[in-house]
Amino acid sequence: MFAICVTFRVATGQMEAFMPLMLENAATSKELEPGCHRFDVLTDADKPDEVFLYELYTDSAAFDAHCDSTHFKAFSVATANMVAGKDVTSWRIVAS
C-alpha cells in the first residue's frame, strides 16, 4: 500500500468554499478509482485554516492515476485561488 498525507493551508475566508469541493473530490476518488482505498478529510479546531488528508492507494501508480483523473484536475483548478499552501508527503506501508 501507498499512503499520501496532504496538508492544505486554505486562504483566509475561503474554507466555506473550499470544503465542499474537497469533500466532493474525496468521495469521487473513492467511488471511481479502484486503486483508492481510503481518502480521509480531517480538520483541527485549533488550526481553522488547515485541512489534512490521509489517502491510501494500492501503489504509486494508483496515486498517479488519481492525479491524472478528470475530477482531480477539476478540483485543482477550482481551488487554485483558495489554497495558500500545500505540503504533500508519501509513505509506503512496511507493516500493518
Protein backbone atom coordinates (compact mmCIF):
# COMPACT_ATOMS: atom_id res chain seq x y z
CA MET A 1 0.00 0.00 0.00
CA PHE A 2 0.98 3.59 -0.67
CA ALA A 3 -0.13 6.42 1.65
CA ILE A 4 -0.31 10.10 0.86
CA CYS A 5 -0.60 12.82 3.50
CA VAL A 6 -1.53 16.32 2.40
CA THR A 7 -1.85 19.47 4.48
CA PHE A 8 -3.69 22.32 2.79
CA ARG A 9 -3.38 25.82 4.16
CA VAL A 10 -6.58 27.44 2.95
CA ALA A 11 -6.55 31.17 2.30
CA THR A 12 -8.30 33.27 4.91
CA GLY A 13 -12.03 33.36 4.33
CA GLN A 14 -12.00 30.53 1.75
CA MET A 15 -12.77 27.47 3.90
CA GLU A 16 -16.53 27.64 3.31
CA ALA A 17 -16.00 27.50 -0.46
CA PHE A 18 -13.07 25.05 -0.32
CA MET A 19 -14.54 22.31 1.87
CA PRO A 20 -17.47 21.21 -0.36
CA LEU A 21 -15.07 20.90 -3.30
CA MET A 22 -12.63 18.91 -1.17
CA LEU A 23 -15.34 16.55 0.07
CA GLU A 24 -16.61 16.04 -3.48
CA ASN A 25 -13.09 15.22 -4.69
CA ALA A 26 -12.63 12.70 -1.88
CA ALA A 27 -15.98 11.00 -2.49
CA THR A 28 -15.42 10.83 -6.26
CA SER A 29 -11.93 9.42 -5.76
CA LYS A 30 -13.26 6.61 -3.56
CA GLU A 31 -16.15 5.94 -5.93
CA LEU A 32 -14.36 6.00 -9.29
CA GLU A 33 -10.78 4.97 -8.57
CA PRO A 34 -10.32 1.24 -7.90
CA GLY A 35 -6.80 1.92 -6.58
CA CYS A 36 -8.04 4.41 -3.95
CA HIS A 37 -8.80 2.52 -0.74
CA ARG A 38 -9.13 5.42 1.70
CA PHE A 39 -9.50 9.17 1.43
CA ASP A 40 -9.97 10.83 4.81
CA VAL A 41 -10.51 14.59 5.12
CA LEU A 42 -9.62 15.90 8.59
CA THR A 43 -9.70 19.26 10.34
CA ASP A 44 -8.42 20.56 13.68
CA ALA A 45 -10.36 23.21 15.63
CA ASP A 46 -7.03 24.74 16.68
CA LYS A 47 -5.99 25.15 13.02
CA PRO A 48 -9.12 26.57 11.35
CA ASP A 49 -7.40 27.28 8.03
CA GLU A 50 -5.90 23.80 7.57
CA VAL A 51 -7.25 20.61 6.05
CA PHE A 52 -5.33 17.35 6.40
CA LEU A 53 -5.82 14.43 4.01
CA TYR A 54 -4.90 10.80 4.54
CA GLU A 55 -5.15 8.84 1.30
CA LEU A 56 -4.37 5.17 0.80
CA TYR A 57 -3.70 3.71 -2.65
CA THR A 58 -2.75 0.26 -3.94
CA ASP A 59 0.59 1.63 -5.15
CA SER A 60 2.22 4.77 -6.53
CA ALA A 61 0.75 4.05 -9.98
CA ALA A 62 -2.76 4.25 -8.48
CA PHE A 63 -1.87 7.61 -6.95
CA ASP A 64 -0.51 8.79 -10.30
CA ALA A 65 -3.84 7.75 -11.87
CA HIS A 66 -5.62 9.83 -9.22
CA CYS A 67 -3.50 12.87 -10.09
CA ASP A 68 -4.28 12.37 -13.79
CA SER A 69 -8.04 11.96 -13.23
CA THR A 70 -10.50 14.49 -14.61
CA HIS A 71 -12.09 15.12 -11.21
CA PHE A 72 -8.73 15.79 -9.52
CA LYS A 73 -7.68 18.21 -12.24
CA ALA A 74 -11.05 20.00 -11.99
CA PHE A 75 -10.66 20.24 -8.20
CA SER A 76 -7.15 21.66 -8.56
CA VAL A 77 -8.31 24.34 -11.00
CA ALA A 78 -11.40 25.23 -8.94
CA THR A 79 -9.43 25.61 -5.69
CA ALA A 80 -6.19 27.15 -7.00
CA ASN A 81 -7.01 30.63 -5.68
CA MET A 82 -8.29 29.23 -2.37
CA VAL A 83 -5.07 27.47 -1.37
CA ALA A 84 -2.34 29.47 0.37
CA GLY A 85 -0.02 26.46 0.60
CA LYS A 86 0.14 22.68 0.38
CA ASP A 87 2.53 20.06 1.73
CA VAL A 88 2.47 16.51 0.35
CA THR A 89 4.32 13.50 1.73
CA SER A 90 4.21 9.90 0.60
CA TRP A 91 4.68 6.78 2.66
CA ARG A 92 4.98 3.06 1.93
CA ILE A 93 3.47 0.65 4.40
CA VAL A 94 6.07 -1.79 5.70
CA ALA A 95 3.90 -3.48 8.33
CA SER A 96 0.30 -3.37 9.48
